[in-house]
Amino acid sequence: MEFLRPSNWREALEAKAAHPGAKPIFGGTDLMVELNFGRARPEAVMDLTRVPEIQGWEEEEGRLRIGAGMTYARILAELKDRLPGLAMASRTVGSPQIRNRGTVGGNLGTASPAGDGLPPLYASDAKVEVASVRGMRRFPVGDFIIGPKQNALEADELISGFLIPEASGPQQYSKIGPRNAMVIAVCSFGLALHPEQGKVGACIGSAGPTPIQAREAEAFIEGVLEEGNLWESRVGIGDRALARFGELSGMAARPISDVRASAEYRTHAVGVLARRSLSWAWDEYRNGR
């Protein structure tokens, strides 16, 4: 197995074009597990830790562009106020050592439905940026992740980053696992309020072949907020509306039964997480936070 170590982005793209089967690695928190257990044997591994162009963030046309190599720890340290949902998700990832190495770019590359960094991207309509020596492409995250552990990358492309709007309202992320830390989500839920647009973003994780945007639940609660003039009045959302939002979110899930949980449990848990996440976010909004 060949080891590639480019020192800049151009070298990385040229190396990927010359070695289409090369697997990129930054934190290695997913790929190294596959290698250690003999589940993967790529023709080459490409270490991107020396590439500075993918390790920062910047503002771009009203959005934040975050490099694929920016770690969870840096998101927590530098962007927790601007992207609170993604920061909450980052805080739940593994141990401090994992957060110091792992990246949301890795979640996008792995395309696991259990990736903690993915629901906040769906809830905020993020876009993924990929590049090759042929040029750059950007498309919605929902179009990038096309199946369980499958994404839309061409053989010569690398993920360069993602673009996500800065939070305009409260955001939440929650997940269920068999213990409080260092755990893969049995199911998860990301939520973002967008008051200026009168919109609510909601995404289910680890309860389907890909993260699932709960479209019917979003449309329902947006109607409740508009009809009741709740965005302006900031009064509480009724218990029946909260319950229905949770029910519709659970109905959107497409879980399987496995060693971590049954499909029935995941469906129920998604509904609970959705109801609680909306309640927490709306309480923040009512209090002007």
Foldseek 3Di string as FASTA:
>chain_A
DAEAEDQEDVVVQVVLVVFLQEAEFWLCPPVVVCVVVVVDDTPYYYYDNNYPQQAAWDDDPQWIWHGQFHFLVCCLVPPCQFQVALNQLSVQAADPSSRVTDGVSVCLQQQALQRSNPQSLQFQQKWWWKAHPVGIDIDTSVQQRDFHRDGDDDSSMGTTTMIGHGAPAFKHKDFDFPDRHRGGGCKIKIWGDDLVVLWIWIWIGNQAGGIFTLVVLGVQVSVVCVVVVCSPVLDADDPVNLQVSLLSQLVRGRHDDDPGGHSVVRSNVSSVNSSVRVRVRSVCVSVPD
